[in-house]
Amino acid sequence: MNPNIPNIPSIEQLKEIALPAPVSYAPQTWGWWVLLCLLVMAVLLVSARRYWQWRRDRYRREALVRLVELQNSDDQLQALRELPELLKRVALSMPPSGWNTKPVGASLLAKRPSHSPLMSTDRTPSRAGSLPQVTALGGKDWQAFLERHSSQPLPADFSQQLAQLAYAPDATLSALPSNQRDQLFATCKHWVEHHHVAA
């Protein structure tokens, strides 16, 4: 062996290099944990609100399905007769905050004594107190209710058209032009679809 030749390391002398610890994906400071908690809470709140709105609008979805059924019905006379009833049911199904909190016939307060049993002056929008108010609406009060909750202007005689659908003789309804029928269905559909309710 030549002493001038340096020792060449053998492969047995090689050692594995120690790898560093894997980097954690968890936030390293408390600020990130707070931000993550706030984000999770915001997602939960938005999801809960969406779910609550979806459940609250169930009556609206059912009414729209019924409107499509009526519009495609073979018995157009019966379908037209059911439109006013359907709108009244939608009004009754609206969440309490969307109901009219004004007493029925408020325009008649000056003509009728305030202690009259026919007139409720309870202005709380409770479901029990509001049901009679909505069911008793007719004429100008019904028109005003529909307009107040509509997202676009309604025909000035819309409540009269609905009353005609409910009470006119069959011959009168049969004589309605098809474009007027389509317009009635479209107006009813738009009101059901877009009427606004206070959150």
N, C-alpha and C. Protein backbone atom coordinates (compact mmCIF):
# COMPACT_ATOMS: atom_id res chain seq x y z
N MET A 1 0.85 -1.16 0.00
CA MET A 1 0.00 0.00 0.00
C MET A 1 0.90 1.23 0.00
N ASN A 2 0.57 2.15 -0.89
CA ASN A 2 1.40 3.35 -1.04
C ASN A 2 0.97 4.37 0.01
N PRO A 3 1.87 4.85 0.88
CA PRO A 3 1.49 5.79 1.92
C PRO A 3 1.15 7.16 1.37
N ASN A 4 1.57 7.49 0.14
CA ASN A 4 1.27 8.81 -0.45
C ASN A 4 -0.17 8.93 -0.96
N ILE A 5 -0.88 7.84 -1.10
CA ILE A 5 -2.26 7.87 -1.59
C ILE A 5 -3.19 8.07 -0.39
N PRO A 6 -3.99 9.13 -0.42
CA PRO A 6 -4.89 9.35 0.72
C PRO A 6 -5.95 8.27 0.82
N ASN A 7 -6.48 8.13 2.02
CA ASN A 7 -7.53 7.13 2.24
C ASN A 7 -8.81 7.57 1.54
N ILE A 8 -9.33 6.71 0.72
CA ILE A 8 -10.59 6.98 0.02
C ILE A 8 -11.70 6.38 0.88
N PRO A 9 -12.69 7.24 1.27
CA PRO A 9 -13.75 6.69 2.12
C PRO A 9 -14.56 5.64 1.38
N SER A 10 -14.96 4.67 2.10
CA SER A 10 -15.76 3.60 1.50
C SER A 10 -17.24 3.95 1.65
N ILE A 11 -18.02 3.24 0.89
CA ILE A 11 -19.48 3.50 0.90
C ILE A 11 -20.10 3.13 2.25
N GLU A 12 -19.44 2.25 2.99
CA GLU A 12 -19.96 1.84 4.29
C GLU A 12 -19.86 3.00 5.30
N GLN A 13 -18.95 3.92 5.03
CA GLN A 13 -18.78 5.03 5.96
C GLN A 13 -19.83 6.15 5.78
N LEU A 14 -20.60 6.13 4.67
CA LEU A 14 -21.61 7.16 4.42
C LEU A 14 -22.78 7.00 5.39
N LYS A 15 -23.31 8.13 5.89
CA LYS A 15 -24.44 8.12 6.81
C LYS A 15 -25.57 8.93 6.18
N GLU A 16 -26.81 8.54 6.53
CA GLU A 16 -27.97 9.27 6.02
C GLU A 16 -28.04 10.65 6.65
N ILE A 17 -28.42 11.64 5.82
CA ILE A 17 -28.57 13.00 6.32
C ILE A 17 -29.90 13.09 7.06
N ALA A 18 -29.92 13.65 8.24
CA ALA A 18 -31.14 13.79 9.04
C ALA A 18 -32.02 14.87 8.41
N LEU A 19 -33.28 14.49 8.12
CA LEU A 19 -34.22 15.43 7.54
C LEU A 19 -34.81 16.31 8.63
N PRO A 20 -35.14 17.57 8.29
CA PRO A 20 -35.77 18.42 9.30
C PRO A 20 -37.20 17.95 9.58
N ALA A 21 -37.75 18.38 10.70
CA ALA A 21 -39.13 18.02 11.06
C ALA A 21 -40.08 18.60 10.02
N PRO A 22 -41.15 17.85 9.67
CA PRO A 22 -42.09 18.38 8.67
C PRO A 22 -42.76 19.67 9.16
N VAL A 23 -43.02 20.56 8.22
CA VAL A 23 -43.64 21.84 8.56
C VAL A 23 -45.12 21.61 8.84
N SER A 24 -45.60 22.12 9.96
CA SER A 24 -47.00 21.96 10.35
C SER A 24 -47.87 22.95 9.59
N TYR A 25 -49.03 22.49 9.17
CA TYR A 25 -49.98 23.37 8.49
C TYR A 25 -50.87 24.13 9.50
N ALA A 26 -50.77 23.78 10.75
CA ALA A 26 -51.56 24.47 11.78
C ALA A 26 -51.01 25.87 11.98
N PRO A 27 -51.90 26.84 12.24
CA PRO A 27 -51.41 28.21 12.49
C PRO A 27 -50.46 28.24 13.68
N GLN A 28 -49.39 29.02 13.55
CA GLN A 28 -48.36 29.06 14.57
C GLN A 28 -48.60 30.11 15.64
N THR A 29 -49.46 31.11 15.34
CA THR A 29 -49.70 32.17 16.33
C THR A 29 -51.18 32.21 16.67
N TRP A 30 -51.51 32.80 17.83
CA TRP A 30 -52.90 32.85 18.30
C TRP A 30 -53.77 33.69 17.37
N GLY A 31 -53.22 34.68 16.70
CA GLY A 31 -54.00 35.53 15.80
C GLY A 31 -54.64 34.75 14.66
N TRP A 32 -53.89 33.80 14.13
CA TRP A 32 -54.45 32.97 13.05
C TRP A 32 -55.57 32.08 13.57
N TRP A 33 -55.43 31.59 14.82
CA TRP A 33 -56.50 30.78 15.41
C TRP A 33 -57.77 31.61 15.58
N VAL A 34 -57.62 32.85 16.02
CA VAL A 34 -58.78 33.73 16.18
C VAL A 34 -59.44 33.98 14.83
N LEU A 35 -58.61 34.26 13.81
CA LEU A 35 -59.14 34.49 12.47
C LEU A 35 -59.87 33.27 11.94
N LEU A 36 -59.30 32.09 12.18
CA LEU A 36 -59.94 30.84 11.74
C LEU A 36 -61.28 30.65 12.45
N CYS A 37 -61.34 30.92 13.74
CA CYS A 37 -62.60 30.79 14.49
C CYS A 37 -63.65 31.77 13.96
N LEU A 38 -63.24 33.01 13.69
CA LEU A 38 -64.17 34.00 13.16
C LEU A 38 -64.70 33.57 11.79
N LEU A 39 -63.82 33.04 10.98
CA LEU A 39 -64.22 32.58 9.64
C LEU A 39 -65.22 31.43 9.73
N VAL A 40 -64.95 30.47 10.62
CA VAL A 40 -65.86 29.34 10.80
C VAL A 40 -67.21 29.83 11.32
N MET A 41 -67.19 30.77 12.28
CA MET A 41 -68.45 31.31 12.80
C MET A 41 -69.23 32.05 11.72
N ALA A 42 -68.54 32.81 10.88
CA ALA A 42 -69.21 33.54 9.80
C ALA A 42 -69.86 32.57 8.81
N VAL A 43 -69.13 31.51 8.46
CA VAL A 43 -69.69 30.51 7.53
C VAL A 43 -70.92 29.84 8.15
N LEU A 44 -70.85 29.51 9.44
CA LEU A 44 -71.99 28.88 10.12
C LEU A 44 -73.19 29.83 10.17
N LEU A 45 -72.94 31.11 10.47
CA LEU A 45 -74.04 32.07 10.53
C LEU A 45 -74.70 32.28 9.17
N VAL A 46 -73.88 32.41 8.13
CA VAL A 46 -74.43 32.59 6.78
C VAL A 46 -75.22 31.35 6.37
N SER A 47 -74.67 30.17 6.67
CA SER A 47 -75.38 28.93 6.32
C SER A 47 -76.69 28.81 7.08
N ALA A 48 -76.68 29.16 8.36
CA ALA A 48 -77.91 29.08 9.16
C ALA A 48 -78.95 30.06 8.63
N ARG A 49 -78.51 31.27 8.27
CA ARG A 49 -79.46 32.26 7.74
C ARG A 49 -80.04 31.81 6.40
N ARG A 50 -79.20 31.27 5.54
CA ARG A 50 -79.71 30.76 4.25
C ARG A 50 -80.72 29.64 4.46
N TYR A 51 -80.40 28.74 5.39
CA TYR A 51 -81.31 27.64 5.67
C TYR A 51 -82.63 28.16 6.24
N TRP A 52 -82.54 29.13 7.15
CA TRP A 52 -83.74 29.74 7.73
C TRP A 52 -84.58 30.41 6.64
N GLN A 53 -83.95 31.14 5.72
CA GLN A 53 -84.68 31.79 4.63
C GLN A 53 -85.31 30.75 3.70
N TRP A 54 -84.58 29.67 3.44
CA TRP A 54 -85.11 28.61 2.58
C TRP A 54 -86.35 27.99 3.22
N ARG A 55 -86.29 27.76 4.54
CA ARG A 55 -87.46 27.20 5.23
C ARG A 55 -88.59 28.20 5.29
N ARG A 56 -88.26 29.48 5.51
CA ARG A 56 -89.28 30.53 5.60
C ARG A 56 -90.00 30.69 4.27
N ASP A 57 -89.31 30.49 3.16
CA ASP A 57 -89.89 30.69 1.84
C ASP A 57 -90.54 29.43 1.26
N ARG A 58 -90.77 28.45 2.11
CA ARG A 58 -91.41 27.22 1.63
C ARG A 58 -92.79 27.50 1.04
N TYR A 59 -93.56 28.36 1.72
CA TYR A 59 -94.91 28.70 1.24
C TYR A 59 -94.83 29.32 -0.16
N ARG A 60 -93.78 30.09 -0.41
CA ARG A 60 -93.61 30.75 -1.71
C ARG A 60 -93.35 29.71 -2.80
N ARG A 61 -92.47 28.75 -2.51
CA ARG A 61 -92.17 27.70 -3.49
C ARG A 61 -93.41 26.86 -3.80
N GLU A 62 -94.18 26.52 -2.75
CA GLU A 62 -95.38 25.71 -2.96
C GLU A 62 -96.42 26.48 -3.79
N ALA A 63 -96.54 27.77 -3.53
CA ALA A 63 -97.49 28.59 -4.29
C ALA A 63 -97.08 28.69 -5.75
N LEU A 64 -95.79 28.81 -6.01
CA LEU A 64 -95.31 28.89 -7.40
C LEU A 64 -95.57 27.58 -8.15
N VAL A 65 -95.39 26.47 -7.44
CA VAL A 65 -95.69 25.16 -8.06
C VAL A 65 -97.19 25.08 -8.39
N ARG A 66 -98.02 25.54 -7.45
CA ARG A 66 -99.47 25.51 -7.68
C ARG A 66 -99.86 26.43 -8.84
N LEU A 67 -99.21 27.58 -8.95
CA LEU A 67 -99.49 28.51 -10.05
C LEU A 67 -99.18 27.87 -11.40
N VAL A 68 -98.07 27.16 -11.48
CA VAL A 68 -97.71 26.47 -12.74
C VAL A 68 -98.76 25.40 -13.05
N GLU A 69 -99.20 24.67 -12.02
CA GLU A 69 -100.24 23.66 -12.23
C GLU A 69 -101.53 24.31 -12.74
N LEU A 70 -101.90 25.44 -12.14
CA LEU A 70 -103.13 26.13 -12.57
C LEU A 70 -103.00 26.64 -14.00
N GLN A 71 -101.84 27.17 -14.33
CA GLN A 71 -101.65 27.72 -15.67
C GLN A 71 -101.69 26.63 -16.74
N ASN A 72 -101.24 25.43 -16.38
CA ASN A 72 -101.24 24.32 -17.33
C ASN A 72 -102.49 23.46 -17.24
N SER A 73 -103.42 23.86 -16.40
CA SER A 73 -104.64 23.08 -16.18
C SER A 73 -105.54 23.11 -17.41
N ASP A 74 -106.26 22.02 -17.62
CA ASP A 74 -107.24 21.95 -18.73
C ASP A 74 -108.49 22.75 -18.38
N ASP A 75 -108.81 22.81 -17.09
CA ASP A 75 -109.99 23.54 -16.64
C ASP A 75 -109.59 24.97 -16.29
N GLN A 76 -109.51 25.83 -17.29
CA GLN A 76 -109.05 27.20 -17.11
C GLN A 76 -110.02 28.01 -16.23
N LEU A 77 -111.29 27.69 -16.30
CA LEU A 77 -112.28 28.40 -15.49
C LEU A 77 -112.00 28.19 -14.00
N GLN A 78 -111.79 26.94 -13.61
CA GLN A 78 -111.49 26.63 -12.21
C GLN A 78 -110.13 27.21 -11.81
N ALA A 79 -109.19 27.20 -12.74
CA ALA A 79 -107.85 27.75 -12.46
C ALA A 79 -107.95 29.25 -12.18
N LEU A 80 -108.74 29.96 -12.97
CA LEU A 80 -108.92 31.40 -12.75
C LEU A 80 -109.62 31.66 -11.42
N ARG A 81 -110.59 30.83 -11.09
CA ARG A 81 -111.31 31.00 -9.82
C ARG A 81 -110.38 30.81 -8.62
N GLU A 82 -109.36 29.97 -8.78
CA GLU A 82 -108.48 29.68 -7.64
C GLU A 82 -107.40 30.74 -7.44
N LEU A 83 -107.14 31.59 -8.41
CA LEU A 83 -106.09 32.61 -8.28
C LEU A 83 -106.27 33.52 -7.06
N PRO A 84 -107.46 34.13 -6.86
CA PRO A 84 -107.60 35.00 -5.69
C PRO A 84 -107.39 34.26 -4.37
N GLU A 85 -107.89 33.03 -4.30
CA GLU A 85 -107.72 32.23 -3.09
C GLU A 85 -106.25 31.92 -2.84
N LEU A 86 -105.52 31.64 -3.91
CA LEU A 86 -104.10 31.33 -3.78
C LEU A 86 -103.32 32.55 -3.26
N LEU A 87 -103.62 33.72 -3.79
CA LEU A 87 -102.94 34.93 -3.31
C LEU A 87 -103.26 35.20 -1.85
N LYS A 88 -104.50 34.97 -1.46
CA LYS A 88 -104.88 35.18 -0.06
C LYS A 88 -104.15 34.18 0.84
N ARG A 89 -104.02 32.94 0.38
CA ARG A 89 -103.29 31.94 1.18
C ARG A 89 -101.82 32.31 1.31
N VAL A 90 -101.24 32.86 0.24
CA VAL A 90 -99.85 33.31 0.30
C VAL A 90 -99.72 34.44 1.32
N ALA A 91 -100.66 35.37 1.29
CA ALA A 91 -100.63 36.49 2.25
C ALA A 91 -100.75 35.98 3.68
N LEU A 92 -101.58 34.97 3.89
CA LEU A 92 -101.74 34.39 5.23
C LEU A 92 -100.50 33.62 5.66
N SER A 93 -99.75 33.08 4.71
CA SER A 93 -98.57 32.28 5.02
C SER A 93 -97.31 33.11 5.20
N MET A 94 -97.39 34.39 4.87
CA MET A 94 -96.21 35.24 5.02
C MET A 94 -95.77 35.27 6.48
N PRO A 95 -94.46 35.35 6.72
CA PRO A 95 -93.99 35.44 8.11
C PRO A 95 -94.62 36.65 8.81
N PRO A 96 -94.80 36.57 10.13
CA PRO A 96 -95.51 37.62 10.86
C PRO A 96 -94.97 39.02 10.62
N SER A 97 -93.66 39.18 10.44
CA SER A 97 -93.11 40.52 10.25
C SER A 97 -93.56 41.12 8.93
N GLY A 98 -94.06 40.30 8.02
CA GLY A 98 -94.50 40.83 6.74
C GLY A 98 -95.97 41.19 6.71
N TRP A 99 -96.69 40.87 7.79
CA TRP A 99 -98.12 41.14 7.80
C TRP A 99 -98.40 42.61 8.03
N ASN A 100 -99.59 42.97 7.70
CA ASN A 100 -100.05 44.34 7.92
C ASN A 100 -100.30 44.52 9.40
N THR A 101 -99.58 45.46 10.03
CA THR A 101 -99.79 45.70 11.45
C THR A 101 -100.78 46.82 11.68
N LYS A 102 -101.33 47.37 10.62
CA LYS A 102 -102.32 48.43 10.70
C LYS A 102 -103.69 47.78 10.86
N PRO A 103 -104.56 48.30 11.69
CA PRO A 103 -105.87 47.68 11.85
C PRO A 103 -106.65 47.68 10.54
N VAL A 104 -107.44 46.62 10.36
CA VAL A 104 -108.27 46.53 9.16
C VAL A 104 -109.28 47.66 9.17
N GLY A 105 -109.45 48.28 8.05
CA GLY A 105 -110.41 49.37 7.94
C GLY A 105 -109.96 50.61 8.67
N ALA A 106 -108.64 50.84 8.71
CA ALA A 106 -108.13 52.01 9.43
C ALA A 106 -108.69 53.30 8.86
N SER A 107 -109.05 53.28 7.56
CA SER A 107 -109.62 54.47 6.96
C SER A 107 -111.01 54.77 7.51
N LEU A 108 -111.63 53.77 8.15
CA LEU A 108 -112.97 53.94 8.70
C LEU A 108 -112.95 54.31 10.18
N LEU A 109 -111.74 54.48 10.76
CA LEU A 109 -111.66 54.77 12.19
C LEU A 109 -112.45 56.01 12.57
N ALA A 110 -112.46 56.99 11.70
CA ALA A 110 -113.18 58.23 12.01
C ALA A 110 -114.69 57.99 12.02
N LYS A 111 -115.16 57.01 11.24
CA LYS A 111 -116.60 56.76 11.13
C LYS A 111 -117.11 55.81 12.20
N ARG A 112 -116.21 54.97 12.74
CA ARG A 112 -116.62 53.95 13.69
C ARG A 112 -116.03 54.25 15.06
N PRO A 113 -116.76 54.02 16.13
CA PRO A 113 -116.19 54.24 17.47
C PRO A 113 -115.02 53.29 17.70
N SER A 114 -114.02 53.76 18.46
CA SER A 114 -112.81 52.95 18.67
C SER A 114 -113.09 51.71 19.51
N HIS A 115 -114.21 51.69 20.27
CA HIS A 115 -114.51 50.53 21.10
C HIS A 115 -115.33 49.49 20.35
N SER A 116 -115.46 49.67 19.03
CA SER A 116 -116.25 48.74 18.23
C SER A 116 -115.62 47.35 18.25
N PRO A 117 -116.41 46.30 18.50
CA PRO A 117 -115.85 44.95 18.53
C PRO A 117 -115.41 44.47 17.15
N LEU A 118 -115.85 45.14 16.09
CA LEU A 118 -115.48 44.72 14.75
C LEU A 118 -114.09 45.21 14.34
N MET A 119 -113.54 46.10 15.12
CA MET A 119 -112.29 46.72 14.73
C MET A 119 -111.24 46.43 15.79
N SER A 120 -110.18 45.77 15.41
CA SER A 120 -109.08 45.52 16.35
C SER A 120 -108.07 46.64 16.20
N THR A 121 -107.65 47.20 17.34
CA THR A 121 -106.63 48.25 17.29
C THR A 121 -105.30 47.72 17.80
N ASP A 122 -105.19 46.42 17.93
CA ASP A 122 -103.93 45.82 18.35
C ASP A 122 -102.94 45.94 17.21
N ARG A 123 -101.82 46.61 17.44
CA ARG A 123 -100.84 46.84 16.39
C ARG A 123 -99.65 45.89 16.49
N THR A 124 -99.73 44.90 17.35
CA THR A 124 -98.63 43.96 17.43
C THR A 124 -98.76 42.96 16.31
N PRO A 125 -97.65 42.66 15.59
CA PRO A 125 -97.74 41.76 14.44
C PRO A 125 -97.70 40.30 14.83
N SER A 126 -98.49 39.91 15.82
CA SER A 126 -98.52 38.50 16.20
C SER A 126 -99.36 37.73 15.19
N ARG A 127 -99.07 36.44 15.07
CA ARG A 127 -99.76 35.62 14.08
C ARG A 127 -101.25 35.56 14.37
N ALA A 128 -101.61 35.39 15.62
CA ALA A 128 -103.03 35.27 15.97
C ALA A 128 -103.77 36.56 15.69
N GLY A 129 -103.15 37.70 15.97
CA GLY A 129 -103.82 38.97 15.75
C GLY A 129 -103.86 39.38 14.30
N SER A 130 -102.94 38.86 13.49
CA SER A 130 -102.85 39.30 12.10
C SER A 130 -103.67 38.46 11.15
N LEU A 131 -103.98 37.23 11.54
CA LEU A 131 -104.76 36.37 10.64
C LEU A 131 -106.10 37.00 10.30
N PRO A 132 -106.88 37.49 11.28
CA PRO A 132 -108.14 38.11 10.91
C PRO A 132 -107.93 39.34 10.04
N GLN A 133 -106.86 40.07 10.26
CA GLN A 133 -106.61 41.27 9.46
C GLN A 133 -106.43 40.90 7.99
N VAL A 134 -105.61 39.91 7.71
CA VAL A 134 -105.36 39.53 6.32
C VAL A 134 -106.61 38.92 5.69
N THR A 135 -107.31 38.08 6.43
CA THR A 135 -108.49 37.44 5.85
C THR A 135 -109.59 38.44 5.56
N ALA A 136 -109.66 39.51 6.35
CA ALA A 136 -110.73 40.50 6.17
C ALA A 136 -110.42 41.54 5.10
N LEU A 137 -109.21 41.54 4.57
CA LEU A 137 -108.86 42.55 3.57
C LEU A 137 -109.66 42.35 2.29
N GLY A 138 -110.11 43.45 1.76
CA GLY A 138 -110.85 43.41 0.50
C GLY A 138 -110.85 44.80 -0.12
N GLY A 139 -111.12 44.86 -1.41
CA GLY A 139 -111.22 46.14 -2.09
C GLY A 139 -109.93 46.94 -2.03
N LYS A 140 -110.05 48.19 -1.56
CA LYS A 140 -108.89 49.09 -1.53
C LYS A 140 -107.84 48.63 -0.53
N ASP A 141 -108.28 48.06 0.60
CA ASP A 141 -107.32 47.58 1.60
C ASP A 141 -106.50 46.41 1.04
N TRP A 142 -107.15 45.52 0.31
CA TRP A 142 -106.45 44.37 -0.29
C TRP A 142 -105.48 44.86 -1.37
N GLN A 143 -105.92 45.82 -2.18
CA GLN A 143 -105.06 46.41 -3.20
C GLN A 143 -103.84 47.06 -2.54
N ALA A 144 -104.07 47.80 -1.45
CA ALA A 144 -102.97 48.47 -0.76
C ALA A 144 -101.99 47.46 -0.17
N PHE A 145 -102.51 46.36 0.38
CA PHE A 145 -101.64 45.31 0.92
C PHE A 145 -100.78 44.71 -0.18
N LEU A 146 -101.40 44.37 -1.31
CA LEU A 146 -100.65 43.77 -2.41
C LEU A 146 -99.59 44.73 -2.93
N GLU A 147 -99.94 46.02 -3.06
CA GLU A 147 -98.98 47.00 -3.56
C GLU A 147 -97.84 47.23 -2.57
N ARG A 148 -98.17 47.23 -1.27
CA ARG A 148 -97.15 47.47 -0.25
C ARG A 148 -96.08 46.38 -0.26
N HIS A 149 -96.47 45.17 -0.60
CA HIS A 149 -95.52 44.05 -0.58
C HIS A 149 -95.00 43.69 -1.97
N SER A 150 -95.36 44.47 -2.97
CA SER A 150 -94.92 44.17 -4.33
C SER A 150 -93.62 44.90 -4.64
N SER A 151 -92.77 44.25 -5.44
CA SER A 151 -91.50 44.87 -5.82
C SER A 151 -91.65 45.75 -7.06
N GLN A 152 -92.79 45.67 -7.71
CA GLN A 152 -93.04 46.52 -8.88
C GLN A 152 -94.50 46.96 -8.85
N PRO A 153 -94.83 48.04 -9.55
CA PRO A 153 -96.22 48.51 -9.52
C PRO A 153 -97.20 47.46 -10.07
N LEU A 154 -98.33 47.36 -9.41
CA LEU A 154 -99.39 46.45 -9.84
C LEU A 154 -100.43 47.25 -10.61
N PRO A 155 -101.24 46.59 -11.43
CA PRO A 155 -102.34 47.31 -12.07
C PRO A 155 -103.24 47.95 -11.01
N ALA A 156 -103.74 49.14 -11.28
CA ALA A 156 -104.54 49.87 -10.30
C ALA A 156 -105.80 49.13 -9.90
N ASP A 157 -106.31 48.28 -10.80
CA ASP A 157 -107.55 47.55 -10.52
C ASP A 157 -107.28 46.07 -10.24
N PHE A 158 -106.08 45.74 -9.76
CA PHE A 158 -105.72 44.33 -9.59
C PHE A 158 -106.64 43.62 -8.61
N SER A 159 -106.96 44.26 -7.48
CA SER A 159 -107.85 43.62 -6.51
C SER A 159 -109.26 43.45 -7.09
N GLN A 160 -109.68 44.38 -7.95
CA GLN A 160 -110.99 44.24 -8.60
C GLN A 160 -110.97 43.07 -9.59
N GLN A 161 -109.86 42.90 -10.30
CA GLN A 161 -109.74 41.77 -11.21
C GLN A 161 -109.81 40.45 -10.44
N LEU A 162 -109.15 40.42 -9.28
CA LEU A 162 -109.19 39.21 -8.45
C LEU A 162 -110.60 38.95 -7.94
N ALA A 163 -111.30 40.00 -7.54
CA ALA A 163 -112.68 39.84 -7.07
C ALA A 163 -113.56 39.34 -8.21
N GLN A 164 -113.31 39.83 -9.41
CA GLN A 164 -114.08 39.37 -10.57
C GLN A 164 -113.83 37.89 -10.82
N LEU A 165 -112.58 37.46 -10.67
CA LEU A 165 -112.27 36.04 -10.86
C LEU A 165 -113.00 35.18 -9.83
N ALA A 166 -113.16 35.71 -8.62
CA ALA A 166 -113.79 34.93 -7.56
C ALA A 166 -115.31 34.90 -7.68
N TYR A 167 -115.92 36.00 -8.14
CA TYR A 167 -117.38 36.10 -8.03
C TYR A 167 -118.13 36.28 -9.34
N ALA A 168 -117.43 36.53 -10.43
CA ALA A 168 -118.14 36.76 -11.70
C ALA A 168 -118.75 35.46 -12.21
N PRO A 169 -119.81 35.56 -13.00
CA PRO A 169 -120.41 34.35 -13.58
C PRO A 169 -119.42 33.65 -14.51
N ASP A 170 -119.64 32.36 -14.70
CA ASP A 170 -118.75 31.56 -15.56
C ASP A 170 -118.65 32.13 -16.96
N ALA A 171 -119.76 32.63 -17.48
CA ALA A 171 -119.76 33.16 -18.84
C ALA A 171 -118.81 34.36 -18.97
N THR A 172 -118.75 35.19 -17.93
CA THR A 172 -117.86 36.35 -17.96
C THR A 172 -116.40 35.91 -17.98
N LEU A 173 -116.08 34.91 -17.16
CA LEU A 173 -114.71 34.42 -17.13
C LEU A 173 -114.33 33.69 -18.42
N SER A 174 -115.26 32.98 -18.98
CA SER A 174 -114.98 32.28 -20.24
C SER A 174 -114.73 33.27 -21.37
N ALA A 175 -115.31 34.45 -21.26
CA ALA A 175 -115.15 35.45 -22.32
C ALA A 175 -113.86 36.25 -22.20
N LEU A 176 -113.08 36.03 -21.11
CA LEU A 176 -111.82 36.76 -20.96
C LEU A 176 -110.86 36.40 -22.08
N PRO A 177 -110.25 37.39 -22.72
CA PRO A 177 -109.26 37.08 -23.78
C PRO A 177 -108.05 36.35 -23.18
N SER A 178 -107.42 35.53 -23.99
CA SER A 178 -106.30 34.72 -23.49
C SER A 178 -105.13 35.59 -23.04
N ASN A 179 -104.93 36.74 -23.71
CA ASN A 179 -103.81 37.60 -23.28
C ASN A 179 -104.08 38.20 -21.90
N GLN A 180 -105.35 38.47 -21.57
CA GLN A 180 -105.68 38.98 -20.24
C GLN A 180 -105.48 37.90 -19.18
N ARG A 181 -105.84 36.66 -19.54
CA ARG A 181 -105.61 35.54 -18.61
C ARG A 181 -104.12 35.38 -18.35
N ASP A 182 -103.33 35.40 -19.42
CA ASP A 182 -101.88 35.26 -19.27
C ASP A 182 -101.31 36.39 -18.42
N GLN A 183 -101.83 37.60 -18.61
CA GLN A 183 -101.36 38.74 -17.83
C GLN A 183 -101.70 38.57 -16.35
N LEU A 184 -102.89 38.04 -16.06
CA LEU A 184 -103.28 37.79 -14.66
C LEU A 184 -102.35 36.77 -14.01
N PHE A 185 -102.09 35.68 -14.74
CA PHE A 185 -101.18 34.66 -14.21
C PHE A 185 -99.78 35.23 -14.01
N ALA A 186 -99.32 36.04 -14.96
CA ALA A 186 -97.97 36.61 -14.86
C ALA A 186 -97.87 37.56 -13.67
N THR A 187 -98.91 38.38 -13.46
CA THR A 187 -98.90 39.31 -12.34
C THR A 187 -98.93 38.56 -11.01
N CYS A 188 -99.77 37.54 -10.93
CA CYS A 188 -99.84 36.74 -9.70
C CYS A 188 -98.51 36.04 -9.44
N LYS A 189 -97.92 35.49 -10.50
CA LYS A 189 -96.64 34.79 -10.34
C LYS A 189 -95.56 35.76 -9.88
N HIS A 190 -95.52 36.94 -10.46
CA HIS A 190 -94.50 37.91 -10.07
C HIS A 190 -94.69 38.34 -8.62
N TRP A 191 -95.94 38.53 -8.20
CA TRP A 191 -96.17 38.95 -6.83
C TRP A 191 -95.75 37.86 -5.85
N VAL A 192 -96.13 36.61 -6.14
CA VAL A 192 -95.76 35.50 -5.25
C VAL A 192 -94.24 35.35 -5.20
N GLU A 193 -93.61 35.47 -6.35
CA GLU A 193 -92.17 35.24 -6.44
C GLU A 193 -91.36 36.35 -5.79
N HIS A 194 -91.82 37.60 -5.92
CA HIS A 194 -90.99 38.73 -5.52
C HIS A 194 -91.57 39.57 -4.39
N HIS A 195 -92.71 39.20 -3.80
CA HIS A 195 -93.22 40.05 -2.71
C HIS A 195 -92.19 40.07 -1.60
N HIS A 196 -92.02 41.23 -1.02
CA HIS A 196 -90.98 41.36 0.00
C HIS A 196 -91.58 41.26 1.40
N VAL A 197 -90.80 40.62 2.25
CA VAL A 197 -91.19 40.42 3.63
C VAL A 197 -90.07 40.97 4.49
N ALA A 198 -90.41 41.74 5.51
CA ALA A 198 -89.37 42.27 6.39
C ALA A 198 -88.66 41.12 7.08
N ALA A 199 -87.34 41.21 7.13
CA ALA A 199 -86.55 40.11 7.71
C ALA A 199 -86.59 40.15 9.23
